[in-house]
Protein backbone atom coordinates (compact mmCIF):
# COMPACT_ATOMS: atom_id res chain seq x y z
CA UNK A 1 -14.79 8.44 14.78
CA UNK A 2 -17.38 5.83 14.05
CA UNK A 3 -15.83 2.38 12.51
CA UNK A 4 -18.01 3.11 9.13
CA UNK A 5 -16.11 6.24 8.82
CA UNK A 6 -12.83 4.46 9.61
CA UNK A 7 -13.22 1.77 7.09
CA UNK A 8 -14.46 4.69 4.79
CA UNK A 9 -10.79 5.86 4.83
CA UNK A 10 -9.46 2.63 3.39
CA UNK A 11 -9.14 1.82 -0.24
CA UNK A 12 -8.53 -1.27 -2.34
CA UNK A 13 -5.68 -0.81 -4.88
CA UNK A 14 -5.75 -3.45 -7.82
CA UNK A 15 -2.42 -3.53 -9.62
CA UNK A 16 -2.84 -4.74 -13.25
CA UNK A 17 -5.91 -7.36 -12.81
CA UNK A 18 -6.35 -9.52 -15.36
CA UNK A 19 -10.04 -10.62 -14.95
CA UNK A 20 -12.82 -8.47 -14.99
CA UNK A 21 -14.89 -10.95 -12.95
CA UNK A 22 -12.32 -10.69 -10.18
CA UNK A 23 -12.63 -7.09 -10.07
CA UNK A 24 -16.31 -7.31 -9.76
CA UNK A 25 -16.00 -9.79 -6.98
CA UNK A 26 -13.81 -7.21 -5.30
CA UNK A 27 -16.35 -4.75 -5.35
CA UNK A 28 -19.11 -6.70 -3.90
CA UNK A 29 -16.47 -7.56 -0.86
CA UNK A 30 -15.41 -3.78 -0.55
CA UNK A 31 -19.29 -3.21 -0.42
CA UNK A 32 -19.83 -5.81 2.23
CA UNK A 33 -17.01 -4.42 4.60
CA UNK A 34 -17.77 -0.65 4.00
CA UNK A 35 -14.27 0.20 2.24
CA UNK A 36 -13.98 3.73 0.81
CA UNK A 37 -13.32 3.01 -2.80
CA UNK A 38 -11.28 0.92 -5.34
CA UNK A 39 -8.17 2.01 -7.57
CA UNK A 40 -7.19 0.10 -10.71
CA UNK A 41 -4.11 0.35 -12.02
CA UNK A 42 -3.05 -0.41 -15.61
CA UNK A 43 -6.02 -2.13 -16.62
CA UNK A 44 -8.70 0.23 -18.29
CA UNK A 45 -10.43 -2.02 -20.76
CA UNK A 46 -12.17 -4.32 -18.21
CA UNK A 47 -15.33 -5.78 -19.50
CA UNK A 48 -18.14 -4.01 -17.45
CA UNK A 49 -20.82 -6.55 -17.93
CA UNK A 50 -18.52 -9.03 -16.42
CA UNK A 51 -17.96 -6.92 -13.55
CA UNK A 52 -21.49 -6.42 -12.96
CA UNK A 53 -22.09 -10.14 -13.09
CA UNK A 54 -19.91 -10.67 -10.18
CA UNK A 55 -20.39 -7.74 -8.06
CA UNK A 56 -24.49 -7.85 -8.21
CA UNK A 57 -26.50 -4.62 -8.66
CA UNK A 58 -25.95 -3.68 -4.83
CA UNK A 59 -22.40 -2.76 -5.70
CA UNK A 60 -22.98 -1.12 -8.60
CA UNK A 61 -21.86 2.03 -7.02
CA UNK A 62 -18.59 0.83 -6.25
CA UNK A 63 -17.95 -0.03 -9.78
CA UNK A 64 -19.30 3.44 -11.17
CA UNK A 65 -16.60 4.99 -8.48
CA UNK A 66 -13.51 3.06 -9.66
CA UNK A 67 -10.54 5.09 -10.12
CA UNK A 68 -8.24 4.18 -13.07
CA UNK A 69 -4.59 5.25 -13.18
CA UNK A 70 -1.49 4.27 -15.26
CA UNK A 71 1.10 3.91 -12.82
CA UNK A 72 1.16 2.47 -9.18
CA UNK A 73 3.36 5.54 -8.03
CA UNK A 74 0.26 8.02 -9.24
CA UNK A 75 -2.24 5.53 -7.53
CA UNK A 76 -0.66 5.43 -4.03
CA UNK A 77 0.74 8.84 -3.94
CA UNK A 78 -2.10 10.41 -1.92
CA UNK A 79 -2.15 7.57 0.44
CA UNK A 80 -0.33 7.52 4.03
CA UNK A 81 -0.12 3.99 5.01
CA UNK A 82 0.00 1.20 2.45
CA UNK A 83 -0.32 -2.55 3.19
CA UNK A 84 0.90 -5.07 0.31
CA UNK A 85 -0.13 -8.58 -0.17
CA UNK A 86 1.89 -11.39 -1.46
CA UNK A 87 1.95 -15.37 -1.15
CA UNK A 88 5.62 -15.46 -2.21
CA UNK A 89 8.17 -15.02 0.70
CA UNK A 90 11.60 -13.95 0.96
CA UNK A 91 14.01 -11.49 2.65
CA UNK A 92 13.62 -8.63 -0.19
CA UNK A 93 9.89 -8.97 0.41
CA UNK A 94 9.37 -8.84 4.04
CA UNK A 95 8.96 -8.50 6.85
CA UNK A 96 5.45 -10.18 6.94
CA UNK A 97 2.48 -9.88 9.07
CA UNK A 98 -0.80 -11.74 9.22
CA UNK A 99 -4.13 -10.44 8.14
CA UNK A 100 -5.29 -9.83 11.56
CA UNK A 101 -2.16 -7.78 12.53
CA UNK A 102 -2.39 -5.95 9.48
CA UNK A 103 -5.88 -5.04 10.38
CA UNK A 104 -5.02 -3.70 13.68
CA UNK A 105 -2.48 -1.71 11.89
CA UNK A 106 -5.08 -0.23 9.50
CA UNK A 107 -7.52 0.31 12.19
CA UNK A 108 -5.42 2.15 14.35
CA UNK A 109 -4.18 4.69 11.82
CA UNK A 110 -7.21 5.25 9.41
CA UNK A 111 -8.87 7.78 11.79
CA UNK A 112 -6.08 9.99 10.64
CA UNK A 113 -4.65 8.69 7.67
CA UNK A 114 -5.69 7.39 4.04
CA UNK A 115 -5.01 3.45 4.08
CA UNK A 116 -4.35 1.58 0.83
CA UNK A 117 -4.51 -2.26 0.61
CA UNK A 118 -2.33 -3.15 -2.44
CA UNK A 119 -3.18 -6.38 -4.37
CA UNK A 120 -1.18 -7.67 -7.32
CA UNK A 121 -2.05 -9.75 -10.53
CA UNK A 122 -3.82 -12.92 -10.14
CA UNK A 123 -1.15 -14.85 -11.99
CA UNK A 124 2.37 -13.46 -10.45
CA UNK A 125 1.39 -11.35 -7.65
CA UNK A 126 3.22 -8.19 -6.79
CA UNK A 127 7.13 -7.92 -7.49
CA UNK A 128 9.67 -6.41 -5.12
CA UNK A 129 9.36 -3.08 -7.32
CA UNK A 130 5.53 -2.51 -6.12
CA UNK A 131 6.41 -3.91 -2.71
CA UNK A 132 9.01 -1.18 -2.07
CA UNK A 133 6.00 1.17 -1.70
CA UNK A 134 4.61 -0.69 1.14
CA UNK A 135 4.78 0.04 4.99
CA UNK A 136 3.94 -3.69 5.97
CA UNK A 137 3.36 -6.96 3.76
CA UNK A 138 0.59 -9.45 4.49
CA UNK A 139 0.66 -13.09 3.81
CA UNK A 140 -2.33 -15.21 4.29
CA UNK A 141 -1.80 -18.47 5.80
CA UNK A 142 -2.98 -21.58 3.97
CA UNK A 143 -2.21 -25.32 3.77
CA UNK A 144 1.14 -25.92 2.32
CA UNK A 145 -0.47 -28.15 -0.67
CA UNK A 146 -2.23 -24.94 -1.83
CA UNK A 147 -0.69 -21.53 -1.16
CA UNK A 148 -2.49 -19.35 -3.78
CA UNK A 149 -5.30 -17.51 -2.81
CA UNK A 150 -8.18 -16.07 -5.41
CA UNK A 151 -7.93 -12.43 -5.59
CA UNK A 152 -11.34 -11.47 -4.42
CA UNK A 153 -11.14 -14.23 -1.64
CA UNK A 154 -7.69 -12.37 -0.58
CA UNK A 155 -9.62 -9.02 -0.73
CA UNK A 156 -12.41 -10.25 1.51
CA UNK A 157 -10.43 -11.57 4.11
CA UNK A 158 -8.31 -8.81 4.90
CA UNK A 159 -11.26 -6.56 4.71
CA UNK A 160 -13.12 -8.89 7.01
CA UNK A 161 -10.32 -8.79 9.52
CA UNK A 162 -10.45 -4.91 9.15
CA UNK A 163 -13.96 -4.64 9.73
CA UNK A 164 -13.73 -6.52 13.00
CA UNK A 165 -10.57 -4.71 13.98
CA UNK A 166 -12.33 -1.25 13.81
CA UNK A 167 -14.85 -2.54 16.23
CA UNK A 168 -12.42 -3.98 18.76
CA UNK A 169 -9.25 -1.54 18.40
CA UNK A 170 -9.57 1.74 20.31
CA UNK A 171 -9.67 4.33 17.69
CA UNK A 172 -10.95 7.26 19.80
CA UNK A 173 -7.45 8.53 20.20
CA UNK A 174 -6.05 10.84 17.53
CA UNK A 175 -2.75 8.96 16.10
CA UNK A 176 -0.03 10.32 14.30
CA UNK A 177 -0.65 11.96 10.59
CA UNK A 178 1.87 10.21 8.29
CA UNK A 179 3.47 11.62 5.32
CA UNK A 180 2.08 10.49 1.86
CA UNK A 181 3.69 8.29 -0.27
CA UNK A 182 4.21 10.97 -2.58
CA UNK A 183 6.39 12.74 -0.06
CA UNK A 184 8.09 9.82 1.15
CA UNK A 185 8.92 8.86 -2.33
CA UNK A 186 10.67 12.35 -2.99
CA UNK A 187 12.56 11.78 -0.12
CA UNK A 188 13.92 8.30 -0.67
CA UNK A 189 14.84 9.32 -4.32
CA UNK A 190 16.74 12.44 -2.90
CA UNK A 191 18.54 10.21 -0.46
CA UNK A 192 19.45 7.43 -2.86
CA UNK A 193 20.96 10.20 -5.14
CA UNK A 194 23.13 11.37 -2.12
CA UNK A 195 24.18 8.28 -0.75
CA UNK A 196 25.41 7.19 -4.18
CA UNK A 197 27.01 10.32 -4.76
CA UNK A 198 28.81 9.98 -1.28
CA UNK A 199 29.81 6.21 -2.23
CA UNK A 200 27.43 4.81 0.23
CA UNK A 201 25.33 3.09 -2.38
CA UNK A 202 26.46 1.06 -5.04
CA UNK A 203 25.31 2.86 -8.38
CA UNK A 204 24.79 -0.45 -10.14
CA UNK A 205 22.25 -1.68 -7.56
CA UNK A 206 21.19 1.15 -5.32
CA UNK A 207 18.05 -0.46 -4.12
CA UNK A 208 19.97 -3.24 -2.18
CA UNK A 209 20.50 -0.64 0.82
CA UNK A 210 17.72 1.33 0.21
CA UNK A 211 15.47 -1.23 0.84
CA UNK A 212 16.56 -1.54 4.41
CA UNK A 213 16.41 2.32 4.65
CA UNK A 214 12.86 2.04 3.45
CA UNK A 215 11.99 -0.32 5.78
CA UNK A 216 13.54 1.59 8.95
CA UNK A 217 11.61 4.66 8.10
CA UNK A 218 8.49 2.55 7.64
CA UNK A 219 8.69 1.25 11.08
CA UNK A 220 9.29 4.59 12.09
CA UNK A 221 6.21 6.39 10.69
CA UNK A 222 7.34 9.92 9.70
CA UNK A 223 5.12 12.96 9.47
CA UNK A 224 5.35 15.53 6.66
CA UNK A 225 7.23 17.68 8.78
CA UNK A 226 9.95 14.95 9.69
CA UNK A 227 10.25 14.14 5.84
CA UNK A 228 11.14 17.73 5.39
CA UNK A 229 13.51 17.69 8.05
CA UNK A 230 15.50 14.52 6.45
CA UNK A 231 15.19 16.35 3.20
CA UNK A 232 16.69 19.67 4.70
CA UNK A 233 19.61 17.43 6.32
CA UNK A 234 20.30 15.85 2.80
CA UNK A 235 20.30 19.31 1.16
CA UNK A 236 22.77 20.50 3.74
CA UNK A 237 25.31 17.70 3.23
CA UNK A 238 24.87 17.79 -0.44
CA UNK A 239 25.85 21.52 -0.30
CA UNK A 240 28.76 20.72 2.29
CA UNK A 241 30.15 18.10 -0.17
CA UNK A 242 30.14 20.47 -3.13
CA UNK A 243 31.71 23.22 -1.08
CA UNK A 244 34.54 20.63 0.18
CA UNK A 245 35.26 19.65 -3.53
CA UNK A 246 35.93 23.22 -4.50
């Protein structure tokens, strides 16, 4: 698969962007680097004229093709590998990789999978609730005095690294086709309910352990068939638990 086709499998997902101009600048960056499309979550009333001023007429087709969704779960449902971005670190938000490492991961998977690059609002960035969807999380190194990076600049840095990686990473071999986010989220809901029922998870804070479980499976990289196997095991355990209580 050509480098252009590979980057075409990669989309930019903007979660609740605040400024239309930034979305326009993102469209220009996406066009420069050959990214597939842009999805905007929770912000349908952005000023089109302001977007066009920042995107220039050459990226008008990117603006025309923007998909708007109400929820992040809906936006990410069809993607098989999701890369989140954040400037804030902490155990509950990692593990973290550099843009170059994330680019290699994206380039090696994009021939067989749909990749999403997820960016948060300009003022707050992505919260833990959004990062839990991600297979890996990127932080962009900056000087200590100024750690915040403009949204469109962050998009351009990551897209540029991916653009280069598609030309230096071996993408000729067929990598694994991964399960979609919607399949994984269904599995995680089922596991969470089951583990809470058998007393492994604290019902008051089930995400405490589920975060580590998500990380484990993200490192593994499950296929659709493997997700079905895990869900089948969960159903069998649930059936056995019900049988034992009778």
